[in-house]
Amino acid sequence: MSENIKDFLTQISDIPEYSELLHRRGFQVNMRLYKINKKYRKMIKDIIKYLHIAIKTNYGWFSASGMSGHNVGIPLNIICFYKDRWNTGDDGIITMINPKIIEQSKETKVCGSGCGSIADGKTYYNKRPLWILVKYFDIKGIEHTDSFNHTSDIICHELDHNNGIMVTDNPV
């Protein structure tokens, strides 16, 4: 199955409409509907499963630390990332539904990252806050507010996707 995702992501990056999608803001997941409607919840969980498989796939041009719905052509505000970039086991993936940064450090760091949506193997450099405070829902529909330090750059990268911003839009 991961080979299918690898092929899909390689092919989708050549579609003009995909590039347009990447520059559009994502849609919020309707959490009220998520909690009461089994079909809607299953659809969202299937997308999340797909993101989990995609994040674990090594694509040759990059190895993902995070993924957003936009990466797989689904403009929903869902991101998944490894909570510890050096421990990439199955239980190490955090899923955020409708994440929003509610506070961030004034201090920044310059971070280099690749992007699976670009598929050129290049490293792009962007300024990111040292830490962020994020409000989000987990896969069970429970709301959380958590701070992140060493993964703040990954989360910001994926949130940029949700907001239609690419790593090439604001280089350092």
N, C-alpha and C. Protein backbone atom coordinates (compact mmCIF):
# COMPACT_ATOMS: atom_id res chain seq x y z
N MET A 1 0.81 -1.20 0.00
CA MET A 1 0.00 0.00 0.00
C MET A 1 0.86 1.27 0.00
N SER A 2 2.00 1.24 0.73
CA SER A 2 2.84 2.43 0.78
C SER A 2 3.43 2.75 -0.60
N GLU A 3 3.64 1.74 -1.44
CA GLU A 3 4.12 1.99 -2.79
C GLU A 3 3.07 2.76 -3.58
N ASN A 4 1.78 2.45 -3.38
CA ASN A 4 0.72 3.18 -4.06
C ASN A 4 0.73 4.65 -3.64
N ILE A 5 0.93 4.92 -2.35
CA ILE A 5 0.98 6.29 -1.86
C ILE A 5 2.20 6.99 -2.44
N LYS A 6 3.33 6.30 -2.47
CA LYS A 6 4.55 6.87 -3.04
C LYS A 6 4.32 7.27 -4.50
N ASP A 7 3.73 6.38 -5.28
CA ASP A 7 3.42 6.68 -6.68
C ASP A 7 2.44 7.83 -6.79
N PHE A 8 1.41 7.80 -5.94
CA PHE A 8 0.38 8.85 -5.95
C PHE A 8 1.01 10.21 -5.70
N LEU A 9 1.83 10.33 -4.64
CA LEU A 9 2.42 11.62 -4.30
C LEU A 9 3.42 12.08 -5.35
N THR A 10 4.10 11.14 -5.98
CA THR A 10 5.03 11.50 -7.05
C THR A 10 4.25 12.04 -8.25
N GLN A 11 3.14 11.39 -8.61
CA GLN A 11 2.36 11.80 -9.77
C GLN A 11 1.54 13.05 -9.52
N ILE A 12 0.99 13.20 -8.30
CA ILE A 12 0.12 14.33 -8.01
C ILE A 12 0.86 15.66 -8.09
N SER A 13 2.16 15.66 -7.79
CA SER A 13 2.92 16.91 -7.80
C SER A 13 3.04 17.51 -9.21
N ASP A 14 2.77 16.72 -10.25
CA ASP A 14 2.83 17.21 -11.63
C ASP A 14 1.50 17.77 -12.14
N ILE A 15 0.45 17.69 -11.34
CA ILE A 15 -0.87 18.14 -11.76
C ILE A 15 -1.04 19.62 -11.43
N PRO A 16 -1.35 20.47 -12.43
CA PRO A 16 -1.49 21.91 -12.17
C PRO A 16 -2.50 22.24 -11.06
N GLU A 17 -3.61 21.53 -11.00
CA GLU A 17 -4.63 21.79 -9.99
C GLU A 17 -4.09 21.53 -8.59
N TYR A 18 -3.15 20.59 -8.46
CA TYR A 18 -2.54 20.28 -7.16
C TYR A 18 -1.77 21.50 -6.66
N SER A 19 -1.04 22.15 -7.56
CA SER A 19 -0.30 23.35 -7.19
C SER A 19 -1.25 24.45 -6.73
N GLU A 20 -2.38 24.59 -7.42
CA GLU A 20 -3.40 25.57 -7.01
C GLU A 20 -3.95 25.23 -5.63
N LEU A 21 -4.21 23.96 -5.38
CA LEU A 21 -4.74 23.51 -4.09
C LEU A 21 -3.77 23.87 -2.96
N LEU A 22 -2.47 23.69 -3.22
CA LEU A 22 -1.47 23.95 -2.18
C LEU A 22 -1.43 25.41 -1.76
N HIS A 23 -1.95 26.29 -2.60
CA HIS A 23 -1.96 27.72 -2.27
C HIS A 23 -3.34 28.19 -1.80
N ARG A 24 -4.19 27.26 -1.42
CA ARG A 24 -5.50 27.61 -0.85
C ARG A 24 -5.55 27.24 0.62
N ARG A 25 -6.32 28.00 1.37
CA ARG A 25 -6.52 27.66 2.78
C ARG A 25 -7.36 26.39 2.88
N GLY A 26 -7.05 25.60 3.89
CA GLY A 26 -7.80 24.37 4.12
C GLY A 26 -9.12 24.65 4.85
N PHE A 27 -9.95 23.65 4.87
CA PHE A 27 -11.25 23.73 5.54
C PHE A 27 -11.17 23.12 6.93
N GLN A 28 -11.89 23.71 7.86
CA GLN A 28 -11.98 23.16 9.21
C GLN A 28 -12.78 21.86 9.17
N VAL A 29 -12.39 20.90 9.98
CA VAL A 29 -13.18 19.69 10.17
C VAL A 29 -14.33 20.08 11.11
N ASN A 30 -15.54 19.72 10.76
CA ASN A 30 -16.70 20.03 11.59
C ASN A 30 -16.70 19.07 12.79
N MET A 31 -16.23 19.56 13.94
CA MET A 31 -16.07 18.69 15.11
C MET A 31 -17.41 18.25 15.70
N ARG A 32 -18.44 19.06 15.57
CA ARG A 32 -19.76 18.65 16.05
C ARG A 32 -20.23 17.43 15.24
N LEU A 33 -20.08 17.51 13.93
CA LEU A 33 -20.44 16.40 13.06
C LEU A 33 -19.53 15.20 13.31
N TYR A 34 -18.25 15.46 13.53
CA TYR A 34 -17.26 14.40 13.80
C TYR A 34 -17.69 13.58 15.01
N LYS A 35 -18.22 14.25 16.03
CA LYS A 35 -18.58 13.56 17.27
C LYS A 35 -19.89 12.78 17.16
N ILE A 36 -20.83 13.22 16.29
CA ILE A 36 -22.15 12.57 16.25
C ILE A 36 -22.40 11.70 15.02
N ASN A 37 -21.63 11.88 13.95
CA ASN A 37 -21.91 11.17 12.71
C ASN A 37 -20.81 10.15 12.42
N LYS A 38 -21.16 8.86 12.50
CA LYS A 38 -20.18 7.79 12.33
C LYS A 38 -19.54 7.78 10.94
N LYS A 39 -20.31 8.07 9.89
CA LYS A 39 -19.77 8.06 8.53
C LYS A 39 -18.74 9.18 8.35
N TYR A 40 -19.06 10.36 8.86
CA TYR A 40 -18.13 11.50 8.76
C TYR A 40 -16.86 11.20 9.55
N ARG A 41 -17.02 10.68 10.77
CA ARG A 41 -15.87 10.34 11.61
C ARG A 41 -15.00 9.28 10.93
N LYS A 42 -15.63 8.27 10.31
CA LYS A 42 -14.88 7.23 9.61
C LYS A 42 -14.10 7.83 8.44
N MET A 43 -14.73 8.74 7.69
CA MET A 43 -14.06 9.38 6.56
C MET A 43 -12.81 10.14 7.05
N ILE A 44 -12.94 10.91 8.13
CA ILE A 44 -11.81 11.67 8.67
C ILE A 44 -10.73 10.70 9.17
N LYS A 45 -11.14 9.64 9.86
CA LYS A 45 -10.17 8.67 10.36
C LYS A 45 -9.47 7.95 9.22
N ASP A 46 -10.16 7.70 8.11
CA ASP A 46 -9.53 7.09 6.94
C ASP A 46 -8.47 8.02 6.35
N ILE A 47 -8.77 9.33 6.30
CA ILE A 47 -7.79 10.30 5.81
C ILE A 47 -6.57 10.29 6.73
N ILE A 48 -6.80 10.24 8.04
CA ILE A 48 -5.71 10.22 9.01
C ILE A 48 -4.87 8.95 8.84
N LYS A 49 -5.54 7.81 8.62
CA LYS A 49 -4.82 6.55 8.38
C LYS A 49 -3.90 6.69 7.16
N TYR A 50 -4.44 7.32 6.12
CA TYR A 50 -3.71 7.55 4.89
C TYR A 50 -2.48 8.42 5.16
N LEU A 51 -2.65 9.47 5.96
CA LEU A 51 -1.54 10.35 6.32
C LEU A 51 -0.49 9.59 7.13
N HIS A 52 -0.93 8.71 8.03
CA HIS A 52 0.00 7.91 8.82
C HIS A 52 0.85 7.00 7.93
N ILE A 53 0.22 6.40 6.94
CA ILE A 53 0.96 5.55 6.01
C ILE A 53 1.93 6.41 5.20
N ALA A 54 1.47 7.57 4.74
CA ALA A 54 2.30 8.44 3.92
C ALA A 54 3.51 8.95 4.70
N ILE A 55 3.32 9.27 5.96
CA ILE A 55 4.43 9.80 6.76
C ILE A 55 5.50 8.73 7.00
N LYS A 56 5.11 7.47 7.00
CA LYS A 56 6.06 6.38 7.26
C LYS A 56 6.77 5.90 6.00
N THR A 57 6.41 6.45 4.84
CA THR A 57 6.98 6.01 3.57
C THR A 57 8.19 6.86 3.23
N ASN A 58 9.29 6.23 2.88
CA ASN A 58 10.47 6.96 2.41
C ASN A 58 10.33 7.10 0.89
N TYR A 59 10.31 8.34 0.41
CA TYR A 59 10.01 8.60 -0.99
C TYR A 59 11.21 8.69 -1.91
N GLY A 60 12.41 8.56 -1.35
CA GLY A 60 13.59 8.71 -2.20
C GLY A 60 14.07 10.15 -2.18
N TRP A 61 13.18 11.11 -2.50
CA TRP A 61 13.62 12.51 -2.49
C TRP A 61 13.51 13.12 -1.11
N PHE A 62 12.74 12.52 -0.22
CA PHE A 62 12.67 13.01 1.16
C PHE A 62 12.07 11.94 2.05
N SER A 63 12.28 12.09 3.34
CA SER A 63 11.66 11.23 4.34
C SER A 63 10.84 12.14 5.23
N ALA A 64 9.56 11.93 5.30
CA ALA A 64 8.64 12.86 5.96
C ALA A 64 8.76 12.83 7.48
N SER A 65 8.70 14.01 8.08
CA SER A 65 8.56 14.15 9.52
C SER A 65 7.12 14.52 9.85
N GLY A 66 6.41 15.03 8.85
CA GLY A 66 5.03 15.43 9.04
C GLY A 66 4.29 15.44 7.72
N MET A 67 2.98 15.44 7.80
CA MET A 67 2.12 15.49 6.60
C MET A 67 0.86 16.27 6.95
N SER A 68 0.30 16.91 5.93
CA SER A 68 -0.99 17.58 6.10
C SER A 68 -1.97 17.02 5.08
N GLY A 69 -3.23 17.31 5.29
CA GLY A 69 -4.23 16.88 4.30
C GLY A 69 -3.91 17.41 2.92
N HIS A 70 -3.38 18.65 2.85
CA HIS A 70 -3.01 19.24 1.56
C HIS A 70 -1.99 18.38 0.81
N ASN A 71 -1.06 17.75 1.54
CA ASN A 71 -0.03 16.92 0.90
C ASN A 71 -0.63 15.80 0.07
N VAL A 72 -1.80 15.32 0.46
CA VAL A 72 -2.41 14.20 -0.25
C VAL A 72 -3.65 14.65 -1.03
N GLY A 73 -3.74 15.96 -1.29
CA GLY A 73 -4.80 16.49 -2.14
C GLY A 73 -6.14 16.66 -1.43
N ILE A 74 -6.14 16.65 -0.10
CA ILE A 74 -7.39 16.80 0.67
C ILE A 74 -7.25 18.04 1.54
N PRO A 75 -7.90 19.16 1.14
CA PRO A 75 -7.69 20.42 1.86
C PRO A 75 -8.47 20.54 3.17
N LEU A 76 -8.22 19.61 4.08
CA LEU A 76 -8.80 19.67 5.41
C LEU A 76 -7.69 19.98 6.41
N ASN A 77 -8.02 20.71 7.46
CA ASN A 77 -7.03 21.11 8.45
C ASN A 77 -6.72 19.97 9.41
N ILE A 78 -5.95 19.03 8.89
CA ILE A 78 -5.48 17.88 9.66
C ILE A 78 -3.98 17.77 9.41
N ILE A 79 -3.21 17.61 10.48
CA ILE A 79 -1.77 17.35 10.32
C ILE A 79 -1.37 16.17 11.18
N CYS A 80 -0.35 15.47 10.75
CA CYS A 80 0.23 14.36 11.50
C CYS A 80 1.74 14.56 11.47
N PHE A 81 2.39 14.26 12.59
CA PHE A 81 3.84 14.40 12.64
C PHE A 81 4.39 13.51 13.74
N TYR A 82 5.68 13.20 13.63
CA TYR A 82 6.35 12.43 14.66
C TYR A 82 6.62 13.33 15.86
N LYS A 83 6.18 12.90 17.04
CA LYS A 83 6.39 13.73 18.24
C LYS A 83 7.86 13.81 18.62
N ASP A 84 8.63 12.84 18.19
CA ASP A 84 10.07 12.86 18.41
C ASP A 84 10.71 12.47 17.09
N ARG A 85 11.31 13.42 16.42
CA ARG A 85 11.79 13.18 15.06
C ARG A 85 12.83 12.07 14.97
N TRP A 86 13.38 11.63 16.11
CA TRP A 86 14.36 10.55 16.08
C TRP A 86 13.75 9.22 16.48
N ASN A 87 12.50 9.21 16.91
CA ASN A 87 11.80 7.98 17.27
C ASN A 87 10.58 7.90 16.39
N THR A 88 10.69 7.18 15.30
CA THR A 88 9.64 7.18 14.29
C THR A 88 8.80 5.91 14.30
N GLY A 89 8.54 5.39 15.49
CA GLY A 89 7.68 4.21 15.59
C GLY A 89 6.22 4.57 15.39
N ASP A 90 5.38 3.55 15.20
CA ASP A 90 3.96 3.77 14.96
C ASP A 90 3.30 4.60 16.04
N ASP A 91 3.66 4.37 17.29
CA ASP A 91 3.00 5.08 18.38
C ASP A 91 3.55 6.49 18.56
N GLY A 92 4.51 6.88 17.75
CA GLY A 92 5.13 8.19 17.87
C GLY A 92 4.49 9.27 17.01
N ILE A 93 3.35 9.00 16.38
CA ILE A 93 2.72 9.98 15.51
C ILE A 93 1.62 10.72 16.28
N ILE A 94 1.69 12.05 16.23
CA ILE A 94 0.64 12.89 16.81
C ILE A 94 -0.25 13.36 15.66
N THR A 95 -1.55 13.28 15.86
CA THR A 95 -2.51 13.77 14.88
C THR A 95 -3.23 14.96 15.48
N MET A 96 -3.31 16.04 14.71
CA MET A 96 -4.01 17.25 15.14
C MET A 96 -5.10 17.57 14.13
N ILE A 97 -6.30 17.74 14.64
CA ILE A 97 -7.43 18.15 13.80
C ILE A 97 -7.72 19.61 14.15
N ASN A 98 -7.84 20.45 13.14
CA ASN A 98 -8.08 21.90 13.29
C ASN A 98 -7.06 22.57 14.22
N PRO A 99 -5.76 22.29 14.02
CA PRO A 99 -4.77 22.92 14.90
C PRO A 99 -4.66 24.42 14.66
N LYS A 100 -4.39 25.13 15.74
CA LYS A 100 -4.22 26.58 15.64
C LYS A 100 -3.17 27.01 16.67
N ILE A 101 -2.18 27.78 16.20
CA ILE A 101 -1.19 28.32 17.12
C ILE A 101 -1.84 29.48 17.87
N ILE A 102 -1.86 29.39 19.20
CA ILE A 102 -2.47 30.45 19.99
C ILE A 102 -1.43 31.33 20.68
N GLU A 103 -0.20 30.87 20.71
CA GLU A 103 0.90 31.66 21.25
C GLU A 103 2.20 31.11 20.69
N GLN A 104 3.19 32.00 20.53
CA GLN A 104 4.49 31.55 20.05
C GLN A 104 5.58 32.46 20.59
N SER A 105 6.81 31.94 20.60
CA SER A 105 7.94 32.72 21.08
C SER A 105 8.26 33.84 20.10
N LYS A 106 8.81 34.91 20.63
CA LYS A 106 9.29 35.98 19.77
C LYS A 106 10.62 35.59 19.14
N GLU A 107 11.37 34.75 19.87
CA GLU A 107 12.64 34.27 19.36
C GLU A 107 12.38 33.26 18.24
N THR A 108 13.21 33.33 17.22
CA THR A 108 13.04 32.42 16.08
C THR A 108 14.33 31.65 15.82
N LYS A 109 14.20 30.65 15.00
CA LYS A 109 15.35 29.87 14.54
C LYS A 109 15.19 29.68 13.04
N VAL A 110 16.28 29.51 12.34
CA VAL A 110 16.22 29.23 10.91
C VAL A 110 16.26 27.71 10.77
N CYS A 111 15.27 27.17 10.10
CA CYS A 111 15.13 25.72 9.96
C CYS A 111 15.16 25.33 8.49
N GLY A 112 15.85 24.25 8.21
CA GLY A 112 15.87 23.71 6.86
C GLY A 112 14.93 22.53 6.76
N SER A 113 14.15 22.50 5.70
CA SER A 113 13.26 21.34 5.51
C SER A 113 13.02 21.12 4.03
N GLY A 114 12.74 19.87 3.71
CA GLY A 114 12.29 19.53 2.38
C GLY A 114 10.77 19.59 2.38
N CYS A 115 10.18 19.36 1.24
CA CYS A 115 8.72 19.37 1.18
C CYS A 115 8.26 18.33 0.18
N GLY A 116 7.45 17.40 0.66
CA GLY A 116 6.94 16.34 -0.21
C GLY A 116 6.05 16.85 -1.31
N SER A 117 5.49 18.04 -1.15
CA SER A 117 4.62 18.60 -2.18
C SER A 117 5.42 19.19 -3.34
N ILE A 118 6.70 19.39 -3.13
CA ILE A 118 7.54 19.97 -4.18
C ILE A 118 8.35 18.90 -4.89
N ALA A 119 8.78 17.90 -4.17
CA ALA A 119 9.45 16.72 -4.75
C ALA A 119 10.67 17.04 -5.59
N ASP A 120 11.47 18.01 -5.14
CA ASP A 120 12.69 18.32 -5.90
C ASP A 120 13.97 17.96 -5.14
N GLY A 121 13.82 17.45 -3.91
CA GLY A 121 14.97 17.04 -3.14
C GLY A 121 15.75 18.18 -2.50
N LYS A 122 15.29 19.41 -2.68
CA LYS A 122 16.01 20.57 -2.13
C LYS A 122 15.62 20.81 -0.68
N THR A 123 16.53 21.50 0.03
CA THR A 123 16.25 21.96 1.38
C THR A 123 15.92 23.44 1.31
N TYR A 124 14.82 23.83 1.94
CA TYR A 124 14.39 25.22 1.98
C TYR A 124 14.52 25.72 3.41
N TYR A 125 14.93 26.98 3.56
CA TYR A 125 15.15 27.55 4.89
C TYR A 125 14.10 28.61 5.20
N ASN A 126 13.51 28.49 6.37
CA ASN A 126 12.49 29.42 6.83
C ASN A 126 12.71 29.75 8.30
N LYS A 127 12.25 30.93 8.72
CA LYS A 127 12.28 31.28 10.14
C LYS A 127 11.08 30.66 10.82
N ARG A 128 11.32 30.07 11.98
CA ARG A 128 10.25 29.44 12.77
C ARG A 128 10.42 29.85 14.23
N PRO A 129 9.32 29.94 14.98
CA PRO A 129 9.44 30.25 16.41
C PRO A 129 10.12 29.10 17.16
N LEU A 130 10.81 29.45 18.26
CA LEU A 130 11.48 28.42 19.08
C LEU A 130 10.47 27.49 19.73
N TRP A 131 9.32 28.04 20.14
CA TRP A 131 8.27 27.21 20.73
C TRP A 131 6.91 27.76 20.31
N ILE A 132 5.92 26.89 20.35
CA ILE A 132 4.55 27.28 20.02
C ILE A 132 3.58 26.63 21.00
N LEU A 133 2.45 27.27 21.19
CA LEU A 133 1.35 26.72 21.98
C LEU A 133 0.22 26.49 20.99
N VAL A 134 -0.23 25.23 20.89
CA VAL A 134 -1.20 24.85 19.87
C VAL A 134 -2.48 24.31 20.51
N LYS A 135 -3.60 24.77 20.00
CA LYS A 135 -4.92 24.25 20.40
C LYS A 135 -5.40 23.37 19.24
N TYR A 136 -5.86 22.17 19.56
CA TYR A 136 -6.27 21.23 18.51
C TYR A 136 -7.17 20.14 19.11
N PHE A 137 -7.76 19.35 18.23
CA PHE A 137 -8.53 18.17 18.63
C PHE A 137 -7.73 16.93 18.26
N ASP A 138 -7.81 15.90 19.09
CA ASP A 138 -7.16 14.63 18.75
C ASP A 138 -8.15 13.76 17.98
N ILE A 139 -7.72 12.57 17.65
CA ILE A 139 -8.54 11.66 16.84
C ILE A 139 -9.82 11.21 17.56
N LYS A 140 -9.84 11.33 18.89
CA LYS A 140 -11.04 11.00 19.67
C LYS A 140 -12.00 12.17 19.78
N GLY A 141 -11.60 13.33 19.24
CA GLY A 141 -12.45 14.52 19.31
C GLY A 141 -12.26 15.31 20.59
N ILE A 142 -11.20 15.01 21.33
CA ILE A 142 -10.93 15.71 22.59
C ILE A 142 -10.02 16.91 22.29
N GLU A 143 -10.40 18.06 22.85
CA GLU A 143 -9.61 19.27 22.64
C GLU A 143 -8.40 19.31 23.57
N HIS A 144 -7.27 19.76 23.02
CA HIS A 144 -6.01 19.87 23.77
C HIS A 144 -5.39 21.23 23.53
N THR A 145 -4.59 21.66 24.47
CA THR A 145 -3.70 22.81 24.29
C THR A 145 -2.34 22.37 24.81
N ASP A 146 -1.36 22.27 23.90
CA ASP A 146 -0.04 21.77 24.25
C ASP A 146 1.04 22.68 23.68
N SER A 147 2.18 22.71 24.35
CA SER A 147 3.32 23.46 23.83
C SER A 147 4.31 22.49 23.18
N PHE A 148 5.00 23.00 22.18
CA PHE A 148 5.96 22.20 21.43
C PHE A 148 7.23 23.02 21.22
N ASN A 149 8.36 22.38 21.44
CA ASN A 149 9.66 23.04 21.26
C ASN A 149 10.38 22.48 20.04
N HIS A 150 10.95 21.28 20.17
CA HIS A 150 11.80 20.75 19.09
C HIS A 150 11.04 20.33 17.85
N THR A 151 9.72 20.22 17.92
CA THR A 151 8.93 19.91 16.71
C THR A 151 8.15 21.13 16.21
N SER A 152 8.43 22.31 16.79
CA SER A 152 7.68 23.50 16.39
C SER A 152 7.85 23.80 14.90
N ASP A 153 9.05 23.54 14.35
CA ASP A 153 9.28 23.81 12.93
C ASP A 153 8.45 22.88 12.04
N ILE A 154 8.32 21.62 12.44
CA ILE A 154 7.51 20.67 11.66
C ILE A 154 6.04 21.09 11.69
N ILE A 155 5.56 21.40 12.89
CA ILE A 155 4.15 21.81 13.03
C ILE A 155 3.89 23.07 12.21
N CYS A 156 4.78 24.06 12.30
CA CYS A 156 4.60 25.29 11.53
C CYS A 156 4.60 25.02 10.03
N HIS A 157 5.47 24.13 9.57
CA HIS A 157 5.53 23.76 8.15
C HIS A 157 4.17 23.19 7.71
N GLU A 158 3.63 22.27 8.51
CA GLU A 158 2.35 21.65 8.15
C GLU A 158 1.19 22.63 8.27
N LEU A 159 1.23 23.51 9.27
CA LEU A 159 0.19 24.53 9.40
C LEU A 159 0.26 25.51 8.24
N ASP A 160 1.47 25.79 7.75
CA ASP A 160 1.58 26.63 6.55
C ASP A 160 0.82 25.99 5.39
N HIS A 161 0.95 24.67 5.23
CA HIS A 161 0.17 23.98 4.18
C HIS A 161 -1.31 24.25 4.36
N ASN A 162 -1.80 24.12 5.59
CA ASN A 162 -3.22 24.36 5.86
C ASN A 162 -3.65 25.78 5.50
N ASN A 163 -2.70 26.71 5.54
CA ASN A 163 -3.00 28.11 5.23
C ASN A 163 -2.61 28.51 3.81
N GLY A 164 -2.26 27.53 2.99
CA GLY A 164 -1.93 27.81 1.59
C GLY A 164 -0.56 28.41 1.37
N ILE A 165 0.33 28.23 2.35
CA ILE A 165 1.69 28.79 2.27
C ILE A 165 2.69 27.66 2.04
N MET A 166 3.57 27.85 1.08
CA MET A 166 4.61 26.86 0.78
C MET A 166 5.95 27.33 1.32
N VAL A 167 6.89 26.40 1.53
CA VAL A 167 8.22 26.76 2.03
C VAL A 167 8.93 27.70 1.07
N THR A 168 8.55 27.70 -0.18
CA THR A 168 9.17 28.58 -1.19
C THR A 168 8.61 30.00 -1.14
N ASP A 169 7.52 30.21 -0.41
CA ASP A 169 6.88 31.53 -0.36
C ASP A 169 7.60 32.53 0.55
N ASN A 170 8.25 32.06 1.62
CA ASN A 170 8.91 32.95 2.57
C ASN A 170 10.30 32.46 2.93
N PRO A 171 11.19 32.30 1.95
CA PRO A 171 12.52 31.77 2.28
C PRO A 171 13.36 32.80 3.05
N VAL A 172 14.35 32.28 3.78
CA VAL A 172 15.28 33.17 4.50
C VAL A 172 16.45 33.46 3.60
